[in-house]
Amino acid sequence: MSQPLDTYEQAIEFLFGRINYERTQPDAYSTADFKLDRMRHLLEAAGNPHQQLPAVHVAGTKGKGSTCAMLASLLRAAGKRTGLYISPHLVRFEERMTVDGVSPSPTELVALVNRLLGPIAEMDRSPVRMHPTYFEIATVLAWRYFLDRQADVAVLETGLGGRLDSTNLCHPWVTVITNVSRDHTHILGSTVREIAFEKAGIMKPGVPCVSGCLHVDARQVMLDVAAERGVPLWQLERDVHWRWQDRERRMIAVDTPARSWSELPVTLRGEHQAANTALVVAAADCLSTRDVPLSPETVRAGLQAVHWPARIEVVGESPTVILDAAHNWESTRALLQTLSTDFRARRKLLIFACSRDKDHRGLLRQLTPHFDSLIFTRFQDNPRSVSPDELGSFVETISEIRAHRAADPYSAWKLARRLAHADDLIVITGSLFLVAELRELVLETCRPGIDSPPVPTPETPSHAVP
């Protein structure tokens, strides 16, 4: 039996000492490293918590986190105690798992980890590579926490892909697949069709699925997999339609095969969030047979309560400062579209860092023409960051805009503040890891001018979603 952990710091050190593909160089692992056998074994040792709690399961390339936040808020508004599992976290590990907005306290987290130490040690001793990974352990901890807190349902965001993701052993009421584009190509495949197949892996026989895929290849994959597995499938722009009713007030109408909705608030910024809202409302219709009382008033209240940090989040004024975790083509396109329609500035400054497994050259080709000044840096808490020199050197081959280099995010922020005037716009993007390292600092600097709620503490119930 492993020695019990006494402190929160010991629990975090234990977790971060596991194999962690969020922090591993992409060439150090492949699809063969993602196997559900380890997860099944660990869940069985933990009492199979996933079999005791229904789920709403969400996959996709762009918007899955926002969609999870909206779904959790709707279920809470309907009176369901709702677990929410997301990844990665912004500041604290325990932000990944909440029940009605409350994360585990340090004491609870230590107790949760201690309950798994024995099974993990036993699996580590197995001669057939059964070492549970960081994400697998985190997922089991979340399910155990949800049961401890007597959750009625869990909203689960996939970590990577879907077919082989640790969350894919859940028992869903409904599955949701948001828009699909190229990302994690070294694992999921180099084409939209291949990536869509991995995302479609969360479909379960007889369980309704709502898909927001717009690419023709991705849509066909959804149809093929749904037909093969006997899945009732609603597709955006075929079965689910939305339209603006009032752009200024950000109200939309949504039509699904079940009913028509009107005056629905789109709380999160960006046109793409209107489409995500439509998917959420369609999923709500699919839940109508599951004793989830989602009246129009309940849905409106749930949507209005949503807050999702680091997604086109305005955290400062004079100059305007925006944090956004865009790290792939589709999310960057959505960011640029929102900047062009919702924000006016004399000059636009970009603070950018990126993980090596992302298409940083493609992202910079998208971003560079829309900014007047560029500051490249690297995040400190993850070894996968591309160096500022490499980013700057590439941009100098495609643009005449001066590329500043900063050794760390703090230095990049200080430089941006020095360069920016009150009527300028500072955008911090490229990676959630960059945004996570800068968010608290930026909020502290800008707090007098903006009221942006912090990520909730474990002891503070809140509609804010970490």
Protein backbone atom coordinates (compact mmCIF):
# COMPACT_ATOMS: atom_id res chain seq x y z
CA MET A 1 0.00 0.00 0.00
CA SER A 2 1.35 3.43 -0.93
CA GLN A 3 2.09 5.93 1.81
CA PRO A 4 -0.91 8.29 2.22
CA LEU A 5 -0.40 11.91 1.23
CA ASP A 6 -0.76 14.51 3.97
CA THR A 7 -0.91 17.84 2.17
CA TYR A 8 -2.40 19.49 -0.90
CA GLU A 9 1.11 20.19 -2.19
CA GLN A 10 1.98 16.50 -2.00
CA ALA A 11 -1.20 15.58 -3.90
CA ILE A 12 -0.43 18.07 -6.67
CA GLU A 13 3.18 16.91 -6.87
CA PHE A 14 2.00 13.32 -7.19
CA LEU A 15 -0.42 14.19 -10.00
CA PHE A 16 2.06 16.30 -11.93
CA GLY A 17 4.60 13.50 -11.63
CA ARG A 18 2.45 11.20 -13.77
CA ILE A 19 2.77 10.93 -17.55
CA ASN A 20 1.15 14.13 -18.78
CA TYR A 21 0.54 14.50 -22.50
CA GLU A 22 -0.53 18.11 -21.98
CA ARG A 23 3.11 18.88 -21.15
CA THR A 24 4.95 16.28 -23.23
CA GLN A 25 6.68 17.07 -26.51
CA PRO A 26 4.36 15.83 -29.31
CA ASP A 27 6.99 13.60 -30.92
CA ALA A 28 7.28 11.63 -27.66
CA TYR A 29 3.86 9.94 -27.95
CA SER A 30 1.45 8.55 -30.53
CA THR A 31 -2.03 7.06 -30.87
CA ALA A 32 -0.69 3.79 -29.41
CA ASP A 33 -0.27 5.55 -26.04
CA PHE A 34 -4.01 6.23 -25.79
CA LYS A 35 -5.73 3.04 -24.68
CA LEU A 36 -9.02 2.68 -22.83
CA ASP A 37 -7.92 -0.58 -21.13
CA ARG A 38 -5.95 1.39 -18.50
CA MET A 39 -8.94 3.62 -17.88
CA ARG A 40 -11.33 0.69 -17.52
CA HIS A 41 -9.01 -0.97 -15.02
CA LEU A 42 -8.63 2.22 -12.97
CA LEU A 43 -12.36 2.90 -12.99
CA GLU A 44 -13.10 -0.64 -11.84
CA ALA A 45 -10.65 -0.23 -8.96
CA ALA A 46 -12.38 3.05 -8.05
CA GLY A 47 -15.83 1.42 -7.94
CA ASN A 48 -16.92 2.24 -11.50
CA PRO A 49 -18.22 5.74 -10.67
CA HIS A 50 -18.93 6.40 -14.35
CA GLN A 51 -21.67 3.77 -14.29
CA GLN A 52 -23.50 5.55 -11.48
CA LEU A 53 -23.85 8.98 -13.09
CA PRO A 54 -25.39 9.94 -16.44
CA ALA A 55 -23.45 12.36 -18.63
CA VAL A 56 -23.66 14.93 -21.36
CA HIS A 57 -20.55 14.30 -23.46
CA VAL A 58 -18.96 17.00 -25.63
CA ALA A 59 -16.19 16.71 -28.24
CA GLY A 60 -14.99 19.01 -31.03
CA THR A 61 -12.13 21.20 -32.17
CA LYS A 62 -13.60 24.63 -31.50
CA GLY A 63 -16.08 25.65 -28.81
CA LYS A 64 -16.36 22.46 -26.78
CA GLY A 65 -15.39 24.20 -23.53
CA SER A 66 -17.86 27.04 -24.07
CA THR A 67 -20.54 24.51 -24.99
CA CYS A 68 -19.86 22.55 -21.80
CA ALA A 69 -20.11 25.74 -19.75
CA MET A 70 -23.49 26.58 -21.30
CA LEU A 71 -24.83 23.04 -20.86
CA ALA A 72 -23.77 22.95 -17.20
CA SER A 73 -25.39 26.32 -16.58
CA LEU A 74 -28.66 25.15 -18.19
CA LEU A 75 -28.76 21.96 -16.14
CA ARG A 76 -28.10 23.92 -12.96
CA ALA A 77 -30.87 26.36 -13.83
CA ALA A 78 -33.17 23.33 -14.24
CA GLY A 79 -32.40 22.29 -10.66
CA LYS A 80 -29.96 19.48 -11.42
CA ARG A 81 -26.82 19.19 -9.33
CA THR A 82 -24.32 19.31 -12.15
CA GLY A 83 -20.76 18.12 -12.34
CA LEU A 84 -18.52 19.78 -14.94
CA TYR A 85 -15.20 18.32 -16.11
CA ILE A 86 -12.99 20.45 -18.36
CA SER A 87 -9.34 20.60 -19.38
CA PRO A 88 -6.83 22.04 -19.13
CA HIS A 89 -7.18 24.26 -16.06
CA LEU A 90 -6.28 27.94 -15.90
CA VAL A 91 -4.72 28.34 -12.46
CA ARG A 92 -5.43 25.39 -10.15
CA PHE A 93 -5.69 21.71 -10.98
CA GLU A 94 -9.00 21.34 -9.13
CA GLU A 95 -10.70 23.84 -11.48
CA ARG A 96 -11.08 20.89 -13.84
CA MET A 97 -13.90 19.46 -11.73
CA THR A 98 -16.79 21.37 -10.21
CA VAL A 99 -20.25 20.57 -8.87
CA ASP A 100 -22.58 23.54 -9.20
CA GLY A 101 -19.51 25.72 -9.64
CA VAL A 102 -17.64 24.45 -6.57
CA SER A 103 -14.24 22.75 -6.92
CA PRO A 104 -12.81 20.32 -4.35
CA SER A 105 -11.26 21.96 -1.33
CA PRO A 106 -7.57 21.17 -0.72
CA THR A 107 -8.60 18.67 1.94
CA GLU A 108 -11.09 17.00 -0.38
CA LEU A 109 -8.53 16.75 -3.17
CA VAL A 110 -6.00 15.06 -0.87
CA ALA A 111 -8.65 12.56 0.22
CA LEU A 112 -9.66 11.86 -3.39
CA VAL A 113 -6.06 11.21 -4.44
CA ASN A 114 -5.38 9.01 -1.42
CA ARG A 115 -8.32 6.76 -2.36
CA LEU A 116 -6.64 6.04 -5.70
CA LEU A 117 -3.06 5.54 -4.51
CA GLY A 118 -3.47 1.79 -3.92
CA PRO A 119 -5.01 0.97 -7.34
CA ILE A 120 -2.48 3.22 -9.10
CA ALA A 121 0.45 1.53 -7.34
CA GLU A 122 -0.93 -1.88 -8.28
CA MET A 123 -1.27 -0.86 -11.92
CA ASP A 124 2.23 0.65 -11.89
CA ARG A 125 3.60 -2.76 -10.88
CA SER A 126 1.85 -4.47 -13.78
CA PRO A 127 4.30 -5.95 -16.35
CA VAL A 128 2.09 -4.83 -19.28
CA ARG A 129 2.45 -1.02 -19.25
CA MET A 130 -0.65 -0.19 -17.22
CA HIS A 131 0.70 3.05 -15.70
CA PRO A 132 -2.28 5.44 -15.39
CA THR A 133 -1.63 8.87 -16.87
CA TYR A 134 -2.25 12.30 -15.38
CA PHE A 135 -5.41 12.80 -17.46
CA GLU A 136 -6.78 9.35 -16.70
CA ILE A 137 -6.32 9.89 -12.96
CA ALA A 138 -7.83 13.36 -13.18
CA THR A 139 -10.89 11.95 -14.95
CA VAL A 140 -11.46 9.29 -12.29
CA LEU A 141 -10.98 11.89 -9.54
CA ALA A 142 -13.66 14.01 -11.20
CA TRP A 143 -16.16 11.16 -11.33
CA ARG A 144 -15.49 10.27 -7.69
CA TYR A 145 -15.87 13.93 -6.67
CA PHE A 146 -19.17 14.18 -8.54
CA LEU A 147 -20.54 11.19 -6.65
CA ASP A 148 -19.23 12.47 -3.31
CA ARG A 149 -21.05 15.75 -3.96
CA GLN A 150 -24.21 13.88 -5.04
CA ALA A 151 -24.32 15.26 -8.56
CA ASP A 152 -27.30 14.30 -10.71
CA VAL A 153 -25.49 14.53 -14.04
CA ALA A 154 -21.98 15.26 -15.34
CA VAL A 155 -21.04 17.43 -18.31
CA LEU A 156 -17.79 16.02 -19.69
CA GLU A 157 -15.39 17.69 -22.12
CA THR A 158 -13.10 15.35 -24.03
CA GLY A 159 -9.41 16.03 -23.59
CA LEU A 160 -8.15 14.88 -26.98
CA GLY A 161 -10.19 13.54 -29.90
CA GLY A 162 -13.00 11.38 -28.56
CA ARG A 163 -12.77 7.74 -29.66
CA LEU A 164 -9.86 6.93 -27.32
CA ASP A 165 -10.39 9.71 -24.79
CA SER A 166 -10.61 8.78 -21.11
CA THR A 167 -14.05 10.36 -20.83
CA ASN A 168 -15.44 8.06 -23.54
CA LEU A 169 -16.41 5.34 -21.06
CA CYS A 170 -19.27 7.52 -19.81
CA HIS A 171 -22.98 6.70 -20.15
CA PRO A 172 -24.41 9.77 -21.89
CA TRP A 173 -27.94 11.08 -22.19
CA VAL A 174 -26.84 13.05 -25.25
CA THR A 175 -23.58 13.72 -27.08
CA VAL A 176 -22.57 17.01 -28.69
CA ILE A 177 -19.85 17.48 -31.31
CA THR A 178 -18.92 21.09 -32.01
CA ASN A 179 -17.25 22.30 -35.19
CA VAL A 180 -14.23 20.30 -36.37
CA SER A 181 -11.03 21.57 -37.98
CA ARG A 182 -7.36 20.60 -38.06
CA ASP A 183 -5.72 20.30 -34.63
CA HIS A 184 -3.53 17.70 -32.87
CA THR A 185 -2.78 16.33 -36.33
CA HIS A 186 0.09 14.13 -35.09
CA ILE A 187 -2.47 12.12 -33.09
CA LEU A 188 -5.87 12.62 -34.73
CA GLY A 189 -4.85 12.63 -38.39
CA SER A 190 -3.91 15.22 -40.98
CA THR A 191 -7.31 15.59 -42.69
CA VAL A 192 -10.65 16.89 -41.49
CA ARG A 193 -12.19 13.51 -42.32
CA GLU A 194 -9.72 11.65 -40.08
CA ILE A 195 -10.15 14.14 -37.24
CA ALA A 196 -13.96 14.04 -37.53
CA PHE A 197 -13.87 10.24 -37.26
CA GLU A 198 -12.00 10.51 -33.94
CA LYS A 199 -14.53 13.06 -32.62
CA ALA A 200 -17.47 10.93 -33.82
CA GLY A 201 -16.10 8.17 -31.63
CA ILE A 202 -18.13 9.54 -28.71
CA MET A 203 -21.40 8.55 -30.41
CA LYS A 204 -23.20 5.72 -28.61
CA PRO A 205 -25.87 3.40 -30.09
CA GLY A 206 -29.34 4.84 -29.57
CA VAL A 207 -28.04 7.99 -27.83
CA PRO A 208 -28.96 11.23 -29.64
CA CYS A 209 -26.12 13.35 -30.99
CA VAL A 210 -26.11 17.03 -31.97
CA SER A 211 -23.37 18.01 -34.43
CA GLY A 212 -22.10 21.48 -35.27
CA CYS A 213 -19.71 20.30 -37.99
CA LEU A 214 -19.82 22.51 -41.08
CA HIS A 215 -17.04 21.09 -43.27
CA VAL A 216 -18.55 18.79 -45.91
CA ASP A 217 -16.15 15.93 -45.09
CA ALA A 218 -16.84 16.17 -41.36
CA ARG A 219 -20.60 16.24 -41.94
CA GLN A 220 -20.40 13.08 -44.03
CA VAL A 221 -18.37 11.30 -41.36
CA MET A 222 -21.01 12.22 -38.77
CA LEU A 223 -23.75 10.81 -41.02
CA ASP A 224 -21.81 7.60 -41.69
CA VAL A 225 -20.93 6.89 -38.04
CA ALA A 226 -24.46 7.75 -36.86
CA ALA A 227 -25.98 5.39 -39.44
CA GLU A 228 -23.59 2.60 -38.50
CA ARG A 229 -24.31 2.90 -34.78
CA GLY A 230 -28.01 3.69 -34.90
CA VAL A 231 -27.58 7.20 -33.52
CA PRO A 232 -30.35 9.82 -33.90
CA LEU A 233 -28.35 12.72 -35.39
CA TRP A 234 -29.25 16.39 -35.61
CA GLN A 235 -26.89 18.49 -37.72
CA LEU A 236 -26.49 22.24 -37.62
CA GLU A 237 -27.84 23.91 -40.78
CA ARG A 238 -29.78 20.75 -41.69
CA ASP A 239 -31.91 19.97 -38.63
CA VAL A 240 -30.93 22.83 -36.31
CA HIS A 241 -31.10 26.45 -37.51
CA TRP A 242 -30.43 29.76 -35.79
CA ARG A 243 -30.79 33.43 -36.70
CA TRP A 244 -30.23 36.76 -35.04
CA GLN A 245 -33.36 38.36 -33.65
CA ASP A 246 -31.54 41.34 -32.18
CA ARG A 247 -27.80 41.68 -32.82
CA GLU A 248 -27.40 44.66 -30.53
CA ARG A 249 -28.92 42.79 -27.59
CA ARG A 250 -27.32 39.53 -28.80
CA MET A 251 -30.57 37.59 -28.94
CA ILE A 252 -31.13 34.66 -31.29
CA ALA A 253 -33.96 32.36 -32.34
CA VAL A 254 -33.34 28.62 -32.74
CA ASP A 255 -35.38 26.00 -34.56
CA THR A 256 -34.87 22.30 -33.86
CA PRO A 257 -36.90 19.29 -34.99
CA ALA A 258 -38.61 19.40 -31.58
CA ARG A 259 -39.61 23.06 -31.27
CA SER A 260 -38.83 26.72 -31.91
CA TRP A 261 -37.07 28.94 -29.38
CA SER A 262 -36.93 32.74 -29.32
CA GLU A 263 -35.20 35.53 -27.42
CA LEU A 264 -32.24 33.40 -26.36
CA PRO A 265 -29.26 35.39 -25.04
CA VAL A 266 -25.78 34.78 -26.47
CA THR A 267 -23.73 35.76 -23.45
CA LEU A 268 -20.28 34.88 -24.76
CA ARG A 269 -18.63 37.05 -27.43
CA GLY A 270 -18.34 36.05 -31.07
CA GLU A 271 -20.61 34.93 -33.88
CA HIS A 272 -19.43 31.35 -33.33
CA GLN A 273 -20.96 31.43 -29.85
CA ALA A 274 -24.39 31.92 -31.41
CA ALA A 275 -23.89 28.63 -33.26
CA ASN A 276 -22.69 26.97 -30.03
CA THR A 277 -25.78 28.29 -28.26
CA ALA A 278 -27.95 26.68 -30.94
CA LEU A 279 -26.20 23.33 -30.33
CA VAL A 280 -26.80 23.67 -26.59
CA VAL A 281 -30.49 24.40 -27.11
CA ALA A 282 -30.80 21.42 -29.45
CA ALA A 283 -29.15 19.24 -26.80
CA ALA A 284 -31.66 20.62 -24.29
CA ASP A 285 -34.46 19.37 -26.54
CA CYS A 286 -32.83 15.93 -26.58
CA LEU A 287 -32.86 15.97 -22.77
CA SER A 288 -36.63 16.49 -22.63
CA THR A 289 -37.14 12.73 -22.23
CA ARG A 290 -34.74 12.62 -19.25
CA ASP A 291 -36.83 14.45 -16.66
CA VAL A 292 -34.88 17.68 -17.16
CA PRO A 293 -37.41 20.55 -16.94
CA LEU A 294 -35.94 22.99 -19.46
CA SER A 295 -38.63 25.59 -20.05
CA PRO A 296 -37.86 28.68 -22.17
CA GLU A 297 -37.46 30.70 -18.98
CA THR A 298 -35.07 28.15 -17.51
CA VAL A 299 -32.98 28.01 -20.69
CA ARG A 300 -32.78 31.81 -20.89
CA ALA A 301 -31.73 32.02 -17.23
CA GLY A 302 -29.10 29.33 -17.72
CA LEU A 303 -27.63 31.00 -20.81
CA GLN A 304 -27.61 34.40 -19.13
CA ALA A 305 -25.60 33.03 -16.18
CA VAL A 306 -22.72 31.68 -18.30
CA HIS A 307 -19.20 33.04 -17.81
CA TRP A 308 -16.23 31.38 -19.50
CA PRO A 309 -12.81 32.93 -18.75
CA ALA A 310 -10.10 33.32 -21.40
CA ARG A 311 -12.41 33.08 -24.40
CA ILE A 312 -12.50 36.54 -26.02
CA GLU A 313 -12.54 37.84 -22.45
CA VAL A 314 -12.22 41.59 -22.01
CA VAL A 315 -10.07 42.14 -18.93
CA GLY A 316 -8.94 45.73 -19.32
CA GLU A 317 -9.89 49.14 -20.68
CA SER A 318 -7.83 52.11 -21.89
CA PRO A 319 -6.22 50.23 -23.55
CA THR A 320 -8.68 47.43 -24.17
CA VAL A 321 -7.12 44.08 -23.25
CA ILE A 322 -8.48 40.78 -24.54
CA LEU A 323 -7.51 37.28 -23.45
CA ASP A 324 -8.33 34.43 -25.81
CA ALA A 325 -7.10 30.84 -25.79
CA ALA A 326 -7.29 30.41 -29.59
CA HIS A 327 -4.71 27.85 -30.67
CA ASN A 328 -5.97 26.41 -33.96
CA TRP A 329 -7.16 27.70 -37.33
CA GLU A 330 -10.86 27.71 -36.52
CA SER A 331 -10.57 29.40 -33.12
CA THR A 332 -8.18 32.01 -34.54
CA ARG A 333 -10.58 32.73 -37.40
CA ALA A 334 -13.39 33.23 -34.86
CA LEU A 335 -11.20 35.56 -32.79
CA LEU A 336 -10.28 37.71 -35.79
CA GLN A 337 -13.89 37.90 -36.93
CA THR A 338 -14.97 39.08 -33.48
CA LEU A 339 -12.18 41.65 -33.30
CA SER A 340 -13.24 43.11 -36.66
CA THR A 341 -16.93 43.39 -35.76
CA ASP A 342 -16.92 44.18 -32.04
CA PHE A 343 -13.80 46.27 -31.37
CA ARG A 344 -12.38 49.53 -32.69
CA ALA A 345 -8.83 50.61 -31.92
CA ARG A 346 -6.20 53.04 -33.14
CA ARG A 347 -3.56 50.31 -33.10
CA LYS A 348 -3.68 46.59 -32.32
CA LEU A 349 -0.88 44.84 -30.40
CA LEU A 350 -0.48 41.07 -30.24
CA ILE A 351 1.16 39.06 -27.45
CA PHE A 352 1.61 35.54 -28.80
CA ALA A 353 3.04 32.21 -27.64
CA CYS A 354 2.27 28.76 -28.96
CA SER A 355 2.84 25.07 -28.29
CA ARG A 356 5.12 23.22 -30.66
CA ASP A 357 2.41 20.70 -31.56
CA LYS A 358 0.29 23.51 -33.02
CA ASP A 359 0.59 24.99 -36.50
CA HIS A 360 2.23 28.18 -35.26
CA ARG A 361 3.21 29.23 -38.78
CA GLY A 362 -0.34 28.88 -40.02
CA LEU A 363 -1.67 30.80 -37.00
CA LEU A 364 0.83 33.61 -37.56
CA ARG A 365 -0.10 33.83 -41.23
CA GLN A 366 -3.67 34.38 -40.06
CA LEU A 367 -2.90 36.83 -37.27
CA THR A 368 -0.03 38.99 -38.51
CA PRO A 369 -1.91 41.08 -41.14
CA HIS A 370 -4.40 42.23 -38.50
CA PHE A 371 -1.92 43.72 -36.01
CA ASP A 372 0.35 46.76 -35.92
CA SER A 373 2.83 45.43 -33.37
CA LEU A 374 3.85 41.89 -32.45
CA ILE A 375 5.35 40.60 -29.21
CA PHE A 376 6.47 36.99 -29.06
CA THR A 377 7.16 35.16 -25.83
CA ARG A 378 7.07 31.66 -24.36
CA PHE A 379 5.07 30.33 -21.45
CA GLN A 380 7.13 29.11 -18.51
CA ASP A 381 5.05 26.27 -17.12
CA ASN A 382 5.11 23.92 -20.11
CA PRO A 383 8.16 22.73 -22.09
CA ARG A 384 6.29 22.58 -25.41
CA SER A 385 6.44 26.33 -26.05
CA VAL A 386 8.00 27.54 -29.31
CA SER A 387 10.86 29.99 -28.69
CA PRO A 388 10.23 33.73 -29.27
CA ASP A 389 13.20 33.82 -31.66
CA GLU A 390 11.69 31.09 -33.82
CA LEU A 391 8.32 32.85 -33.94
CA GLY A 392 9.90 36.23 -34.68
CA SER A 393 12.22 34.88 -37.34
CA PHE A 394 9.33 33.29 -39.19
CA VAL A 395 7.20 36.43 -39.13
CA GLU A 396 10.11 38.43 -40.53
CA THR A 397 9.95 36.22 -43.65
CA ILE A 398 6.29 37.04 -44.31
CA SER A 399 5.84 40.60 -42.98
CA GLU A 400 7.59 43.89 -42.42
CA ILE A 401 5.91 44.41 -39.06
CA ARG A 402 8.48 44.58 -36.30
CA ALA A 403 8.57 41.44 -34.18
CA HIS A 404 9.52 42.06 -30.54
CA ARG A 405 10.88 39.21 -28.42
CA ALA A 406 10.23 38.81 -24.69
CA ALA A 407 11.82 36.09 -22.59
CA ASP A 408 8.70 35.43 -20.51
CA PRO A 409 5.02 36.44 -20.39
CA TYR A 410 5.59 39.01 -17.64
CA SER A 411 8.17 40.82 -19.77
CA ALA A 412 5.83 40.63 -22.78
CA TRP A 413 3.02 42.23 -20.78
CA LYS A 414 5.28 45.00 -19.49
CA LEU A 415 6.41 45.76 -23.04
CA ALA A 416 2.84 45.80 -24.38
CA ARG A 417 1.79 48.23 -21.64
CA ARG A 418 4.69 50.47 -22.53
CA LEU A 419 3.87 50.43 -26.25
CA ALA A 420 0.09 50.79 -25.99
CA HIS A 421 -1.91 54.01 -25.79
CA ALA A 422 -5.33 54.36 -24.19
CA ASP A 423 -7.18 53.93 -27.49
CA ASP A 424 -5.23 50.82 -28.53
CA LEU A 425 -6.10 47.14 -28.28
CA ILE A 426 -3.88 44.43 -26.73
CA VAL A 427 -4.73 40.83 -27.64
CA ILE A 428 -3.12 37.93 -25.75
CA THR A 429 -3.58 34.62 -27.58
CA GLY A 430 -1.99 31.50 -29.07
CA SER A 431 -2.29 29.11 -26.13
CA LEU A 432 -4.31 28.53 -22.99
CA PHE A 433 -0.99 28.08 -21.19
CA LEU A 434 0.02 31.67 -22.08
CA VAL A 435 -3.36 33.04 -21.07
CA ALA A 436 -3.26 31.10 -17.79
CA GLU A 437 0.15 32.53 -16.87
CA LEU A 438 -0.89 36.11 -17.62
CA ARG A 439 -4.55 36.30 -16.56
CA GLU A 440 -4.08 37.05 -12.86
CA LEU A 441 -1.32 39.58 -13.58
CA VAL A 442 -3.41 41.35 -16.22
CA LEU A 443 -6.46 41.42 -13.97
CA GLU A 444 -4.42 42.90 -11.12
CA THR A 445 -3.04 45.57 -13.46
CA CYS A 446 -6.39 46.39 -15.06
CA ARG A 447 -8.80 45.78 -12.18
CA PRO A 448 -9.66 49.45 -11.57
CA GLY A 449 -11.03 49.73 -15.09
CA ILE A 450 -12.88 46.47 -15.57
CA ASP A 451 -15.15 44.18 -13.57
CA SER A 452 -14.11 40.69 -14.68
CA PRO A 453 -14.84 37.92 -12.18
CA PRO A 454 -11.87 35.79 -11.18
CA VAL A 455 -11.85 32.04 -11.42
CA PRO A 456 -13.87 30.89 -8.36
CA THR A 457 -12.07 29.49 -5.36
CA PRO A 458 -12.87 25.94 -4.26
CA GLU A 459 -14.96 27.22 -1.36
CA THR A 460 -16.90 29.80 -3.36
CA PRO A 461 -19.99 28.63 -5.26
CA SER A 462 -20.38 30.69 -8.41
CA HIS A 463 -21.96 30.59 -11.86
CA ALA A 464 -18.49 31.39 -13.17
CA VAL A 465 -16.96 28.32 -14.79
CA PRO A 466 -13.20 27.76 -14.44
